């Protein structure tokens, strides 16, 4: 039976039944003194939970703590702050992360082991625990608090990233909501990325783990802004089961839709970005090769700079594919920029330069490559590289 997936207007991470959130301005994030910087997400029913974390071998204290606690496969809440990553802070950082969880647990009335922690912001600074203690006491949880939580997670983000869908299959109905943050230090295999996904569907732990891995592989692991991967990344999925069981195929489809939407929001909001870039590679020998090729192109500083300047220098795309490590045969390559063919059977095609420049000036630019070697196909997302990116990252602490 086909699933009916509908976008929930103004949907967010608390759209599924039983989830509450709240946030406050605790004075942690000095870059945004007028917005919340400390928040809590809570489920009234204990959740089956799973997460994926940064592949950076140097992991922030909240990542270490949350990884350990998720071994039990359950969680009831997560506390998050922006402005300070609590990374490279040693034993003191671990103690601070544990204290944050304990304070939230005491306030809600659950076990501290059921509270996860996430932090994002400047690396190498200790958390201002006096402000955090006071801030946690001020947070009021509500069913409508998802929007405030989304704002509390932002660092250099220019807009909140949130969505939710309602899914109906026969007599089964459930919802999936999500919130993410990310704008810089973004590269495939997660990046400076925090994402919390909630659902009121009842889902088995083993399936939940596989479903999240599959969804992340086609979404968050297919974005890149600047090639750097942070020590703080977390994509968390919590399922409280209040809506009853859900068909696995429908759940996977809806989860991927939520993740892809949020991943594209992150790519679109890259630091200093003016354009979203979408790269699709087809005809690869395998799915793995298609993903590698697409991620290499989307990560190329030269491709990103060319798109920023609306420069139809398509040779940069070909150079990126050639160095990606995937199998290519020059005589079989095809390339489209938008709907304009520029390479066919490995040979350049004549094109209207003025028309192509105009296309590249748009807010969204698509690059489509066909390797014509197999059936592997994948899509990656990123953004252009602007002068503003350098400005932001040359003044981050000053």
Foldseek 3Di string as FASTA:
>chain_A
DDKDKAWDVVFAQLPWPFKKKWFDQLPQAPVCNPATFKMKIFGPFKWQKDKAAFPPPQAALLVVLQVVLCVVRIAGMEMEGENEFNGPVPPLSNVLQLVLLVLLCVVVVHDSSRYGYAYYHDHDDHGPSVSSSVGSVVIDMDSPRRLRVQRNREHLFPDWFKTKMWMDDPPAIKMKIKTKYAAPQAAARFGRMEMEMEMQADDDNVLVHVLVVVLCVQARNQEDAAPGHDNGGMHMYTYRNNRYHDDSVRVSVRSSVRRNSRRQSRQLRHQVFQAKEKEKEWAFAAQVLRSLLQRQLQNDLVNLQCLVQLNPPCVSSVVSSVPSPGDADQQCKWKDKVNRTQAHSNHGDDDDSVVSSVQSPDRYIYMYMYRNHHGHMGMHMHGHDDPSNVVCVVVSPD
